[in-house]
Amino acid sequence: MPAQKAPTRDLRGRALTYLAEILAYERKPATNHHLAARDVDNLEAILRAGLKDRSVLVRQEAVMALARIGTGDDLPVLERVAATDPGISKGIDAKYPGHYPVRYAAGLAIERLARRLQQQ
């Protein structure tokens, strides 16, 4: 049997987006839940593990997913990502140096999550 290739970063990123949608559905009080609480916890752990993926794009997807479905417990996690994520984009030249796209996305996610939590 041939060896399987590792999932691409695009596939890993999309998977996190889909997990966030599943979690959002499962958290709605009015829905007919299909997953056990333990399974929901496992999905949440997988989503948070995406914050440590080797790909900047996957980490960005994880950050934005937490903005959509995260809890108050995720704010300190996002703050840590906003301060320490190592991913840097290549700058064009001295006038347009590189930046930290995951840190930027985490900052936006913090604002979005905090706003969503205040509205609940």
PDB file of N, CA and C in Angstrom:
ATOM      1  N   MET A   1       0.848  -1.168   0.000  1.00  0.00           N
ATOM      2  CA  MET A   1       0.000   0.000   0.000  1.00  0.00           C
ATOM      3  C   MET A   1       0.905   1.246   0.000  1.00  0.00           C
ATOM      4  N   PRO A   2       0.656   2.209  -0.900  1.00  0.00           N
ATOM      5  CA  PRO A   2       1.493   3.401  -0.951  1.00  0.00           C
ATOM      6  C   PRO A   2       1.275   4.285   0.277  1.00  0.00           C
ATOM      7  N   ALA A   3       2.332   4.982   0.654  1.00  0.00           N
ATOM      8  CA  ALA A   3       2.252   5.890   1.803  1.00  0.00           C
ATOM      9  C   ALA A   3       1.317   7.046   1.482  1.00  0.00           C
ATOM     10  N   GLN A   4       0.537   7.456   2.467  1.00  0.00           N
ATOM     11  CA  GLN A   4      -0.372   8.581   2.277  1.00  0.00           C
ATOM     12  C   GLN A   4       0.384   9.877   2.478  1.00  0.00           C
ATOM     13  N   LYS A   5       0.020  10.855   1.665  1.00  0.00           N
ATOM     14  CA  LYS A   5       0.622  12.176   1.812  1.00  0.00           C
ATOM     15  C   LYS A   5      -0.023  12.893   2.985  1.00  0.00           C
ATOM     16  N   ALA A   6       0.750  13.740   3.616  1.00  0.00           N
ATOM     17  CA  ALA A   6       0.218  14.566   4.707  1.00  0.00           C
ATOM     18  C   ALA A   6      -0.775  15.569   4.118  1.00  0.00           C
ATOM     19  N   PRO A   7      -1.816  15.919   4.873  1.00  0.00           N
ATOM     20  CA  PRO A   7      -2.779  16.903   4.370  1.00  0.00           C
ATOM     21  C   PRO A   7      -2.085  18.235   4.084  1.00  0.00           C
ATOM     22  N   THR A   8      -2.494  18.868   3.014  1.00  0.00           N
ATOM     23  CA  THR A   8      -1.915  20.160   2.660  1.00  0.00           C
ATOM     24  C   THR A   8      -2.391  21.230   3.628  1.00  0.00           C
ATOM     25  N   ARG A   9      -1.712  22.361   3.599  1.00  0.00           N
ATOM     26  CA  ARG A   9      -2.119  23.449   4.489  1.00  0.00           C
ATOM     27  C   ARG A   9      -3.519  23.936   4.140  1.00  0.00           C
ATOM     28  N   ASP A  10      -3.871  23.913   2.852  1.00  0.00           N
ATOM     29  CA  ASP A  10      -5.214  24.345   2.468  1.00  0.00           C
ATOM     30  C   ASP A  10      -6.263  23.412   3.058  1.00  0.00           C
ATOM     31  N   LEU A  11      -6.006  22.123   2.996  1.00  0.00           N
ATOM     32  CA  LEU A  11      -6.939  21.147   3.551  1.00  0.00           C
ATOM     33  C   LEU A  11      -7.038  21.281   5.069  1.00  0.00           C
ATOM     34  N   ARG A  12      -5.892  21.480   5.728  1.00  0.00           N
ATOM     35  CA  ARG A  12      -5.906  21.648   7.184  1.00  0.00           C
ATOM     36  C   ARG A  12      -6.674  22.910   7.574  1.00  0.00           C
ATOM     37  N   GLY A  13      -6.474  23.992   6.817  1.00  0.00           N
ATOM     38  CA  GLY A  13      -7.174  25.242   7.100  1.00  0.00           C
ATOM     39  C   GLY A  13      -8.672  25.116   6.900  1.00  0.00           C
ATOM     40  N   ARG A  14      -9.075  24.469   5.804  1.00  0.00           N
ATOM     41  CA  ARG A  14     -10.512  24.266   5.563  1.00  0.00           C
ATOM     42  C   ARG A  14     -11.123  23.382   6.641  1.00  0.00           C
ATOM     43  N   ALA A  15     -10.382  22.381   7.070  1.00  0.00           N
ATOM     44  CA  ALA A  15     -10.892  21.483   8.112  1.00  0.00           C
ATOM     45  C   ALA A  15     -11.192  22.279   9.383  1.00  0.00           C
ATOM     46  N   LEU A  16     -10.338  23.223   9.732  1.00  0.00           N
ATOM     47  CA  LEU A  16     -10.588  24.039  10.927  1.00  0.00           C
ATOM     48  C   LEU A  16     -11.839  24.895  10.756  1.00  0.00           C
ATOM     49  N   THR A  17     -12.031  25.412   9.562  1.00  0.00           N
ATOM     50  CA  THR A  17     -13.230  26.200   9.288  1.00  0.00           C
ATOM     51  C   THR A  17     -14.478  25.339   9.460  1.00  0.00           C
ATOM     52  N   TYR A  18     -14.432  24.120   8.933  1.00  0.00           N
ATOM     53  CA  TYR A  18     -15.579  23.213   9.063  1.00  0.00           C
ATOM     54  C   TYR A  18     -15.807  22.811  10.525  1.00  0.00           C
ATOM     55  N   LEU A  19     -14.725  22.577  11.249  1.00  0.00           N
ATOM     56  CA  LEU A  19     -14.865  22.245  12.670  1.00  0.00           C
ATOM     57  C   LEU A  19     -15.553  23.384  13.425  1.00  0.00           C
ATOM     58  N   ALA A  20     -15.185  24.604  13.094  1.00  0.00           N
ATOM     59  CA  ALA A  20     -15.805  25.759  13.753  1.00  0.00           C
ATOM     60  C   ALA A  20     -17.301  25.798  13.469  1.00  0.00           C
ATOM     61  N   GLU A  21     -17.691  25.471  12.243  1.00  0.00           N
ATOM     62  CA  GLU A  21     -19.114  25.452  11.900  1.00  0.00           C
ATOM     63  C   GLU A  21     -19.847  24.369  12.682  1.00  0.00           C
ATOM     64  N   ILE A  22     -19.243  23.206  12.797  1.00  0.00           N
ATOM     65  CA  ILE A  22     -19.842  22.112  13.563  1.00  0.00           C
ATOM     66  C   ILE A  22     -19.991  22.522  15.026  1.00  0.00           C
ATOM     67  N   LEU A  23     -18.946  23.114  15.573  1.00  0.00           N
ATOM     68  CA  LEU A  23     -18.992  23.539  16.968  1.00  0.00           C
ATOM     69  C   LEU A  23     -20.045  24.620  17.195  1.00  0.00           C
ATOM     70  N   ALA A  24     -20.151  25.560  16.269  1.00  0.00           N
ATOM     71  CA  ALA A  24     -21.169  26.605  16.401  1.00  0.00           C
ATOM     72  C   ALA A  24     -22.557  25.978  16.428  1.00  0.00           C
ATOM     73  N   TYR A  25     -22.781  25.005  15.578  1.00  0.00           N
ATOM     74  CA  TYR A  25     -24.077  24.310  15.553  1.00  0.00           C
ATOM     75  C   TYR A  25     -24.320  23.577  16.865  1.00  0.00           C
ATOM     76  N   GLU A  26     -23.329  22.849  17.322  1.00  0.00           N
ATOM     77  CA  GLU A  26     -23.482  22.049  18.538  1.00  0.00           C
ATOM     78  C   GLU A  26     -23.695  22.905  19.777  1.00  0.00           C
ATOM     79  N   ARG A  27     -23.220  24.137  19.757  1.00  0.00           N
ATOM     80  CA  ARG A  27     -23.366  25.013  20.921  1.00  0.00           C
ATOM     81  C   ARG A  27     -24.711  25.728  20.979  1.00  0.00           C
ATOM     82  N   LYS A  28     -25.463  25.703  19.877  1.00  0.00           N
ATOM     83  CA  LYS A  28     -26.763  26.374  19.892  1.00  0.00           C
ATOM     84  C   LYS A  28     -27.718  25.591  20.782  1.00  0.00           C
ATOM     85  N   PRO A  29     -28.327  26.262  21.760  1.00  0.00           N
ATOM     86  CA  PRO A  29     -29.205  25.536  22.688  1.00  0.00           C
ATOM     87  C   PRO A  29     -30.415  24.903  22.006  1.00  0.00           C
ATOM     88  N   ALA A  30     -30.887  25.503  20.928  1.00  0.00           N
ATOM     89  CA  ALA A  30     -32.114  25.022  20.303  1.00  0.00           C
ATOM     90  C   ALA A  30     -31.884  23.897  19.293  1.00  0.00           C
ATOM     91  N   THR A  31     -30.658  23.495  19.062  1.00  0.00           N
ATOM     92  CA  THR A  31     -30.405  22.468  18.055  1.00  0.00           C
ATOM     93  C   THR A  31     -30.499  21.075  18.646  1.00  0.00           C
ATOM     94  N   ASN A  32     -30.761  20.127  17.774  1.00  0.00           N
ATOM     95  CA  ASN A  32     -30.759  18.717  18.139  1.00  0.00           C
ATOM     96  C   ASN A  32     -29.307  18.258  18.075  1.00  0.00           C
ATOM     97  N   HIS A  33     -28.672  18.130  19.204  1.00  0.00           N
ATOM     98  CA  HIS A  33     -27.238  17.835  19.247  1.00  0.00           C
ATOM     99  C   HIS A  33     -26.957  16.407  18.787  1.00  0.00           C
ATOM    100  N   HIS A  34     -25.913  16.286  17.994  1.00  0.00           N
ATOM    101  CA  HIS A  34     -25.531  14.992  17.440  1.00  0.00           C
ATOM    102  C   HIS A  34     -24.251  14.458  18.059  1.00  0.00           C
ATOM    103  N   LEU A  35     -23.514  15.319  18.713  1.00  0.00           N
ATOM    104  CA  LEU A  35     -22.232  14.917  19.287  1.00  0.00           C
ATOM    105  C   LEU A  35     -22.306  14.875  20.810  1.00  0.00           C
ATOM    106  N   ALA A  36     -21.584  13.941  21.373  1.00  0.00           N
ATOM    107  CA  ALA A  36     -21.459  13.876  22.828  1.00  0.00           C
ATOM    108  C   ALA A  36     -20.574  15.032  23.289  1.00  0.00           C
ATOM    109  N   ALA A  37     -20.734  15.439  24.532  1.00  0.00           N
ATOM    110  CA  ALA A  37     -19.932  16.541  25.080  1.00  0.00           C
ATOM    111  C   ALA A  37     -18.441  16.260  24.944  1.00  0.00           C
ATOM    112  N   ARG A  38     -18.046  15.010  25.130  1.00  0.00           N
ATOM    113  CA  ARG A  38     -16.637  14.632  25.003  1.00  0.00           C
ATOM    114  C   ARG A  38     -16.136  14.869  23.575  1.00  0.00           C
ATOM    115  N   ASP A  39     -16.985  14.581  22.583  1.00  0.00           N
ATOM    116  CA  ASP A  39     -16.609  14.802  21.190  1.00  0.00           C
ATOM    117  C   ASP A  39     -16.463  16.290  20.879  1.00  0.00           C
ATOM    118  N   VAL A  40     -17.356  17.088  21.447  1.00  0.00           N
ATOM    119  CA  VAL A  40     -17.254  18.538  21.269  1.00  0.00           C
ATOM    120  C   VAL A  40     -15.947  19.041  21.884  1.00  0.00           C
ATOM    121  N   ASP A  41     -15.612  18.539  23.062  1.00  0.00           N
ATOM    122  CA  ASP A  41     -14.339  18.917  23.698  1.00  0.00           C
ATOM    123  C   ASP A  41     -13.155  18.535  22.818  1.00  0.00           C
ATOM    124  N   ASN A  42     -13.209  17.366  22.208  1.00  0.00           N
ATOM    125  CA  ASN A  42     -12.123  16.928  21.317  1.00  0.00           C
ATOM    126  C   ASN A  42     -12.005  17.837  20.103  1.00  0.00           C
ATOM    127  N   LEU A  43     -13.136  18.231  19.527  1.00  0.00           N
ATOM    128  CA  LEU A  43     -13.102  19.133  18.372  1.00  0.00           C
ATOM    129  C   LEU A  43     -12.519  20.490  18.757  1.00  0.00           C
ATOM    130  N   GLU A  44     -12.892  20.970  19.934  1.00  0.00           N
ATOM    131  CA  GLU A  44     -12.337  22.242  20.412  1.00  0.00           C
ATOM    132  C   GLU A  44     -10.821  22.142  20.573  1.00  0.00           C
ATOM    133  N   ALA A  45     -10.345  21.018  21.081  1.00  0.00           N
ATOM    134  CA  ALA A  45      -8.904  20.825  21.263  1.00  0.00           C
ATOM    135  C   ALA A  45      -8.198  20.782  19.908  1.00  0.00           C
ATOM    136  N   ILE A  46      -8.809  20.149  18.933  1.00  0.00           N
ATOM    137  CA  ILE A  46      -8.220  20.102  17.586  1.00  0.00           C
ATOM    138  C   ILE A  46      -8.147  21.500  17.003  1.00  0.00           C
ATOM    139  N   LEU A  47      -9.215  22.261  17.183  1.00  0.00           N
ATOM    140  CA  LEU A  47      -9.238  23.630  16.676  1.00  0.00           C
ATOM    141  C   LEU A  47      -8.135  24.467  17.321  1.00  0.00           C
ATOM    142  N   ARG A  48      -7.986  24.364  18.619  1.00  0.00           N
ATOM    143  CA  ARG A  48      -6.942  25.130  19.313  1.00  0.00           C
ATOM    144  C   ARG A  48      -5.539  24.643  18.926  1.00  0.00           C
ATOM    145  N   ALA A  49      -5.403  23.362  18.623  1.00  0.00           N
ATOM    146  CA  ALA A  49      -4.097  22.844  18.174  1.00  0.00           C
ATOM    147  C   ALA A  49      -3.689  23.489  16.855  1.00  0.00           C
ATOM    148  N   GLY A  50      -4.662  23.936  16.081  1.00  0.00           N
ATOM    149  CA  GLY A  50      -4.351  24.630  14.830  1.00  0.00           C
ATOM    150  C   GLY A  50      -3.551  25.904  15.040  1.00  0.00           C
ATOM    151  N   LEU A  51      -3.606  26.456  16.253  1.00  0.00           N
ATOM    152  CA  LEU A  51      -2.816  27.659  16.560  1.00  0.00           C
ATOM    153  C   LEU A  51      -1.322  27.369  16.564  1.00  0.00           C
ATOM    154  N   LYS A  52      -0.946  26.087  16.617  1.00  0.00           N
ATOM    155  CA  LYS A  52       0.471  25.703  16.645  1.00  0.00           C
ATOM    156  C   LYS A  52       0.910  25.024  15.355  1.00  0.00           C
ATOM    157  N   ASP A  53       0.057  25.062  14.335  1.00  0.00           N
ATOM    158  CA  ASP A  53       0.394  24.439  13.058  1.00  0.00           C
ATOM    159  C   ASP A  53       1.628  25.110  12.461  1.00  0.00           C
ATOM    160  N   ARG A  54       2.334  24.385  11.642  1.00  0.00           N
ATOM    161  CA  ARG A  54       3.543  24.942  11.021  1.00  0.00           C
ATOM    162  C   ARG A  54       3.223  25.996   9.957  1.00  0.00           C
ATOM    163  N   SER A  55       2.002  25.984   9.443  1.00  0.00           N
ATOM    164  CA  SER A  55       1.617  26.913   8.379  1.00  0.00           C
ATOM    165  C   SER A  55       0.970  28.174   8.949  1.00  0.00           C
ATOM    166  N   VAL A  56       1.438  29.311   8.469  1.00  0.00           N
ATOM    167  CA  VAL A  56       0.848  30.593   8.850  1.00  0.00           C
ATOM    168  C   VAL A  56      -0.626  30.618   8.466  1.00  0.00           C
ATOM    169  N   LEU A  57      -0.953  30.112   7.278  1.00  0.00           N
ATOM    170  CA  LEU A  57      -2.340  30.139   6.815  1.00  0.00           C
ATOM    171  C   LEU A  57      -3.257  29.315   7.718  1.00  0.00           C
ATOM    172  N   VAL A  58      -2.790  28.183   8.178  1.00  0.00           N
ATOM    173  CA  VAL A  58      -3.596  27.343   9.069  1.00  0.00           C
ATOM    174  C   VAL A  58      -3.768  28.035  10.418  1.00  0.00           C
ATOM    175  N   ARG A  59      -2.699  28.648  10.916  1.00  0.00           N
ATOM    176  CA  ARG A  59      -2.810  29.362  12.193  1.00  0.00           C
ATOM    177  C   ARG A  59      -3.798  30.528  12.077  1.00  0.00           C
ATOM    178  N   GLN A  60      -3.794  31.209  10.933  1.00  0.00           N
ATOM    179  CA  GLN A  60      -4.755  32.290  10.725  1.00  0.00           C
ATOM    180  C   GLN A  60      -6.189  31.748  10.733  1.00  0.00           C
ATOM    181  N   GLU A  61      -6.414  30.619  10.094  1.00  0.00           N
ATOM    182  CA  GLU A  61      -7.755  30.008  10.092  1.00  0.00           C
ATOM    183  C   GLU A  61      -8.182  29.654  11.516  1.00  0.00           C
ATOM    184  N   ALA A  62      -7.256  29.114  12.298  1.00  0.00           N
ATOM    185  CA  ALA A  62      -7.572  28.756  13.683  1.00  0.00           C
ATOM    186  C   ALA A  62      -7.942  30.005  14.486  1.00  0.00           C
ATOM    187  N   VAL A  63      -7.206  31.072  14.296  1.00  0.00           N
ATOM    188  CA  VAL A  63      -7.472  32.331  14.999  1.00  0.00           C
ATOM    189  C   VAL A  63      -8.858  32.855  14.635  1.00  0.00           C
ATOM    190  N   MET A  64      -9.172  32.867  13.357  1.00  0.00           N
ATOM    191  CA  MET A  64     -10.465  33.403  12.931  1.00  0.00           C
ATOM    192  C   MET A  64     -11.617  32.488  13.363  1.00  0.00           C
ATOM    193  N   ALA A  65     -11.362  31.195  13.409  1.00  0.00           N
ATOM    194  CA  ALA A  65     -12.385  30.265  13.902  1.00  0.00           C
ATOM    195  C   ALA A  65     -12.679  30.550  15.373  1.00  0.00           C
ATOM    196  N   LEU A  66     -11.640  30.820  16.150  1.00  0.00           N
ATOM    197  CA  LEU A  66     -11.860  31.145  17.567  1.00  0.00           C
ATOM    198  C   LEU A  66     -12.610  32.465  17.718  1.00  0.00           C
ATOM    199  N   ALA A  67     -12.405  33.390  16.795  1.00  0.00           N
ATOM    200  CA  ALA A  67     -13.174  34.636  16.835  1.00  0.00           C
ATOM    201  C   ALA A  67     -14.656  34.338  16.676  1.00  0.00           C
ATOM    202  N   ARG A  68     -14.990  33.339  15.853  1.00  0.00           N
ATOM    203  CA  ARG A  68     -16.385  33.003  15.597  1.00  0.00           C
ATOM    204  C   ARG A  68     -17.018  32.174  16.702  1.00  0.00           C
ATOM    205  N   ILE A  69     -16.254  31.240  17.274  1.00  0.00           N
ATOM    206  CA  ILE A  69     -16.887  30.295  18.202  1.00  0.00           C
ATOM    207  C   ILE A  69     -16.200  30.217  19.556  1.00  0.00           C
ATOM    208  N   GLY A  70     -15.176  31.008  19.775  1.00  0.00           N
ATOM    209  CA  GLY A  70     -14.422  30.933  21.020  1.00  0.00           C
ATOM    210  C   GLY A  70     -15.231  31.362  22.237  1.00  0.00           C
ATOM    211  N   THR A  71     -14.658  31.092  23.393  1.00  0.00           N
ATOM    212  CA  THR A  71     -15.260  31.473  24.667  1.00  0.00           C
ATOM    213  C   THR A  71     -14.332  32.484  25.352  1.00  0.00           C
ATOM    214  N   GLY A  72     -14.743  32.934  26.505  1.00  0.00           N
ATOM    215  CA  GLY A  72     -13.897  33.846  27.267  1.00  0.00           C
ATOM    216  C   GLY A  72     -12.540  33.246  27.594  1.00  0.00           C
ATOM    217  N   ASP A  73     -12.479  31.927  27.717  1.00  0.00           N
ATOM    218  CA  ASP A  73     -11.200  31.256  27.987  1.00  0.00           C
ATOM    219  C   ASP A  73     -10.216  31.394  26.837  1.00  0.00           C
ATOM    220  N   ASP A  74     -10.728  31.708  25.644  1.00  0.00           N
ATOM    221  CA  ASP A  74      -9.860  31.829  24.480  1.00  0.00           C
ATOM    222  C   ASP A  74      -9.213  33.209  24.355  1.00  0.00           C
ATOM    223  N   LEU A  75      -9.722  34.195  25.071  1.00  0.00           N
ATOM    224  CA  LEU A  75      -9.127  35.535  24.972  1.00  0.00           C
ATOM    225  C   LEU A  75      -7.651  35.546  25.372  1.00  0.00           C
ATOM    226  N   PRO A  76      -7.253  34.953  26.501  1.00  0.00           N
ATOM    227  CA  PRO A  76      -5.824  34.948  26.832  1.00  0.00           C
ATOM    228  C   PRO A  76      -4.985  34.157  25.819  1.00  0.00           C
ATOM    229  N   VAL A  77      -5.568  33.118  25.260  1.00  0.00           N
ATOM    230  CA  VAL A  77      -4.861  32.332  24.242  1.00  0.00           C
ATOM    231  C   VAL A  77      -4.610  33.200  23.018  1.00  0.00           C
ATOM    232  N   LEU A  78      -5.638  33.912  22.579  1.00  0.00           N
ATOM    233  CA  LEU A  78      -5.486  34.801  21.421  1.00  0.00           C
ATOM    234  C   LEU A  78      -4.522  35.945  21.723  1.00  0.00           C
ATOM    235  N   GLU A  79      -4.543  36.437  22.943  1.00  0.00           N
ATOM    236  CA  GLU A  79      -3.598  37.501  23.324  1.00  0.00           C
ATOM    237  C   GLU A  79      -2.159  37.000  23.237  1.00  0.00           C
ATOM    238  N   ARG A  80      -1.930  35.757  23.660  1.00  0.00           N
ATOM    239  CA  ARG A  80      -0.590  35.183  23.555  1.00  0.00           C
ATOM    240  C   ARG A  80      -0.173  35.062  22.086  1.00  0.00           C
ATOM    241  N   VAL A  81      -1.090  34.605  21.247  1.00  0.00           N
ATOM    242  CA  VAL A  81      -0.788  34.481  19.814  1.00  0.00           C
ATOM    243  C   VAL A  81      -0.494  35.858  19.227  1.00  0.00           C
ATOM    244  N   ALA A  82      -1.283  36.853  19.603  1.00  0.00           N
ATOM    245  CA  ALA A  82      -1.089  38.211  19.091  1.00  0.00           C
ATOM    246  C   ALA A  82       0.271  38.781  19.481  1.00  0.00           C
ATOM    247  N   ALA A  83       0.812  38.307  20.583  1.00  0.00           N
ATOM    248  CA  ALA A  83       2.098  38.825  21.059  1.00  0.00           C
ATOM    249  C   ALA A  83       3.302  37.994  20.614  1.00  0.00           C
ATOM    250  N   THR A  84       3.079  36.715  20.286  1.00  0.00           N
ATOM    251  CA  THR A  84       4.252  35.852  20.115  1.00  0.00           C
ATOM    252  C   THR A  84       4.307  35.023  18.835  1.00  0.00           C
ATOM    253  N   ASP A  85       3.256  34.997  18.003  1.00  0.00           N
ATOM    254  CA  ASP A  85       3.315  34.120  16.833  1.00  0.00           C
ATOM    255  C   ASP A  85       4.541  34.474  15.985  1.00  0.00           C
ATOM    256  N   PRO A  86       5.328  33.461  15.595  1.00  0.00           N
ATOM    257  CA  PRO A  86       6.588  33.729  14.908  1.00  0.00           C
ATOM    258  C   PRO A  86       6.470  33.998  13.409  1.00  0.00           C
ATOM    259  N   GLY A  87       5.314  33.706  12.812  1.00  0.00           N
ATOM    260  CA  GLY A  87       5.191  33.824  11.358  1.00  0.00           C
ATOM    261  C   GLY A  87       5.324  35.250  10.884  1.00  0.00           C
ATOM    262  N   ILE A  88       6.236  35.458   9.956  1.00  0.00           N
ATOM    263  CA  ILE A  88       6.431  36.787   9.379  1.00  0.00           C
ATOM    264  C   ILE A  88       6.388  36.666   7.859  1.00  0.00           C
ATOM    265  N   SER A  89       5.710  37.613   7.242  1.00  0.00           N
ATOM    266  CA  SER A  89       5.665  37.612   5.787  1.00  0.00           C
ATOM    267  C   SER A  89       6.921  38.304   5.264  1.00  0.00           C
ATOM    268  N   LYS A  90       7.286  37.952   4.067  1.00  0.00           N
ATOM    269  CA  LYS A  90       8.460  38.588   3.459  1.00  0.00           C
ATOM    270  C   LYS A  90       8.078  39.978   2.990  1.00  0.00           C
ATOM    271  N   GLY A  91       8.910  40.923   3.330  1.00  0.00           N
ATOM    272  CA  GLY A  91       8.670  42.282   2.886  1.00  0.00           C
ATOM    273  C   GLY A  91       9.093  42.460   1.437  1.00  0.00           C
ATOM    274  N   ILE A  92       8.570  43.485   0.832  1.00  0.00           N
ATOM    275  CA  ILE A  92       8.918  43.777  -0.557  1.00  0.00           C
ATOM    276  C   ILE A  92      10.262  44.493  -0.610  1.00  0.00           C
ATOM    277  N   ASP A  93      10.426  45.468   0.250  1.00  0.00           N
ATOM    278  CA  ASP A  93      11.671  46.233   0.316  1.00  0.00           C
ATOM    279  C   ASP A  93      11.679  46.983   1.641  1.00  0.00           C
ATOM    280  N   ALA A  94      12.603  47.897   1.804  1.00  0.00           N
ATOM    281  CA  ALA A  94      12.711  48.629   3.068  1.00  0.00           C
ATOM    282  C   ALA A  94      11.464  49.474   3.344  1.00  0.00           C
ATOM    283  N   LYS A  95      10.826  49.948   2.290  1.00  0.00           N
ATOM    284  CA  LYS A  95       9.631  50.772   2.459  1.00  0.00           C
ATOM    285  C   LYS A  95       8.438  49.922   2.908  1.00  0.00           C
ATOM    286  N   TYR A  96       8.387  48.683   2.445  1.00  0.00           N
ATOM    287  CA  TYR A  96       7.296  47.769   2.789  1.00  0.00           C
ATOM    288  C   TYR A  96       7.879  46.510   3.417  1.00  0.00           C
ATOM    289  N   PRO A  97       8.274  46.629   4.687  1.00  0.00           N
ATOM    290  CA  PRO A  97       8.887  45.475   5.348  1.00  0.00           C
ATOM    291  C   PRO A  97       7.850  44.391   5.632  1.00  0.00           C
ATOM    292  N   GLY A  98       8.329  43.254   6.056  1.00  0.00           N
ATOM    293  CA  GLY A  98       7.432  42.159   6.404  1.00  0.00           C
ATOM    294  C   GLY A  98       6.575  42.504   7.614  1.00  0.00           C
ATOM    295  N   HIS A  99       5.545  41.717   7.800  1.00  0.00           N
ATOM    296  CA  HIS A  99       4.680  41.898   8.962  1.00  0.00           C
ATOM    297  C   HIS A  99       4.294  40.522   9.504  1.00  0.00           C
ATOM    298  N   TYR A 100       3.564  40.511  10.592  1.00  0.00           N
ATOM    299  CA  TYR A 100       3.164  39.280  11.269  1.00  0.00           C
ATOM    300  C   TYR A 100       1.673  39.050  11.030  1.00  0.00           C
ATOM    301  N   PRO A 101       1.308  38.296  10.007  1.00  0.00           N
ATOM    302  CA  PRO A 101      -0.117  38.159   9.664  1.00  0.00           C
ATOM    303  C   PRO A 101      -0.948  37.444  10.722  1.00  0.00           C
ATOM    304  N   VAL A 102      -0.390  36.465  11.413  1.00  0.00           N
ATOM    305  CA  VAL A 102      -1.171  35.751  12.431  1.00  0.00           C
ATOM    306  C   VAL A 102      -1.372  36.650  13.653  1.00  0.00           C
ATOM    307  N   ARG A 103      -0.350  37.400  14.008  1.00  0.00           N
ATOM    308  CA  ARG A 103      -0.496  38.338  15.128  1.00  0.00           C
ATOM    309  C   ARG A 103      -1.597  39.360  14.823  1.00  0.00           C
ATOM    310  N   TYR A 104      -1.572  39.870  13.591  1.00  0.00           N
ATOM    311  CA  TYR A 104      -2.590  40.840  13.182  1.00  0.00           C
ATOM    312  C   TYR A 104      -3.976  40.206  13.240  1.00  0.00           C
ATOM    313  N   ALA A 105      -4.119  39.004  12.684  1.00  0.00           N
ATOM    314  CA  ALA A 105      -5.404  38.303  12.696  1.00  0.00           C
ATOM    315  C   ALA A 105      -5.857  38.035  14.131  1.00  0.00           C
ATOM    316  N   ALA A 106      -4.921  37.702  15.011  1.00  0.00           N
ATOM    317  CA  ALA A 106      -5.274  37.449  16.413  1.00  0.00           C
ATOM    318  C   ALA A 106      -5.795  38.719  17.074  1.00  0.00           C
ATOM    319  N   GLY A 107      -5.199  39.857  16.757  1.00  0.00           N
ATOM    320  CA  GLY A 107      -5.694  41.131  17.292  1.00  0.00           C
ATOM    321  C   GLY A 107      -7.125  41.397  16.860  1.00  0.00           C
ATOM    322  N   LEU A 108      -7.410  41.145  15.584  1.00  0.00           N
ATOM    323  CA  LEU A 108      -8.780  41.309  15.089  1.00  0.00           C
ATOM    324  C   LEU A 108      -9.721  40.303  15.745  1.00  0.00           C
ATOM    325  N   ALA A 109      -9.236  39.078  15.934  1.00  0.00           N
ATOM    326  CA  ALA A 109     -10.054  38.028  16.549  1.00  0.00           C
ATOM    327  C   ALA A 109     -10.397  38.379  17.994  1.00  0.00           C
ATOM    328  N   ILE A 110      -9.449  38.967  18.703  1.00  0.00           N
ATOM    329  CA  ILE A 110      -9.697  39.380  20.091  1.00  0.00           C
ATOM    330  C   ILE A 110     -10.840  40.393  20.123  1.00  0.00           C
ATOM    331  N   GLU A 111     -10.768  41.379  19.245  1.00  0.00           N
ATOM    332  CA  GLU A 111     -11.819  42.400  19.197  1.00  0.00           C
ATOM    333  C   GLU A 111     -13.170  41.779  18.860  1.00  0.00           C
ATOM    334  N   ARG A 112     -13.178  40.906  17.862  1.00  0.00           N
ATOM    335  CA  ARG A 112     -14.434  40.285  17.429  1.00  0.00           C
ATOM    336  C   ARG A 112     -15.020  39.382  18.520  1.00  0.00           C
ATOM    337  N   LEU A 113     -14.168  38.575  19.139  1.00  0.00           N
ATOM    338  CA  LEU A 113     -14.639  37.676  20.186  1.00  0.00           C
ATOM    339  C   LEU A 113     -15.142  38.464  21.396  1.00  0.00           C
ATOM    340  N   ALA A 114     -14.404  39.475  21.800  1.00  0.00           N
ATOM    341  CA  ALA A 114     -14.829  40.286  22.957  1.00  0.00           C
ATOM    342  C   ALA A 114     -16.175  40.947  22.684  1.00  0.00           C
ATOM    343  N   ARG A 115     -16.349  41.454  21.470  1.00  0.00           N
ATOM    344  CA  ARG A 115     -17.618  42.086  21.094  1.00  0.00           C
ATOM    345  C   ARG A 115     -18.761  41.056  21.125  1.00  0.00           C
ATOM    346  N   ARG A 116     -18.494  39.873  20.571  1.00  0.00           N
ATOM    347  CA  ARG A 116     -19.516  38.824  20.553  1.00  0.00           C
ATOM    348  C   ARG A 116     -19.893  38.393  21.969  1.00  0.00           C
ATOM    349  N   LEU A 117     -18.898  38.262  22.846  1.00  0.00           N
ATOM    350  CA  LEU A 117     -19.169  37.854  24.223  1.00  0.00           C
ATOM    351  C   LEU A 117     -19.965  38.916  24.976  1.00  0.00           C
ATOM    352  N   GLN A 118     -19.725  40.185  24.685  1.00  0.00           N
ATOM    353  CA  GLN A 118     -20.483  41.262  25.340  1.00  0.00           C
ATOM    354  C   GLN A 118     -21.958  41.249  24.924  1.00  0.00           C
ATOM    355  N   GLN A 119     -22.217  40.808  23.708  1.00  0.00           N
ATOM    356  CA  GLN A 119     -23.586  40.791  23.188  1.00  0.00           C
ATOM    357  C   GLN A 119     -24.388  39.601  23.710  1.00  0.00           C
ATOM    358  N   GLN A 120     -23.735  38.633  24.292  1.00  0.00           N
ATOM    359  CA  GLN A 120     -24.446  37.444  24.779  1.00  0.00           C
ATOM    360  C   GLN A 120     -25.131  37.715  26.095  1.00  0.00           C
TER     361      GLN A 120
END
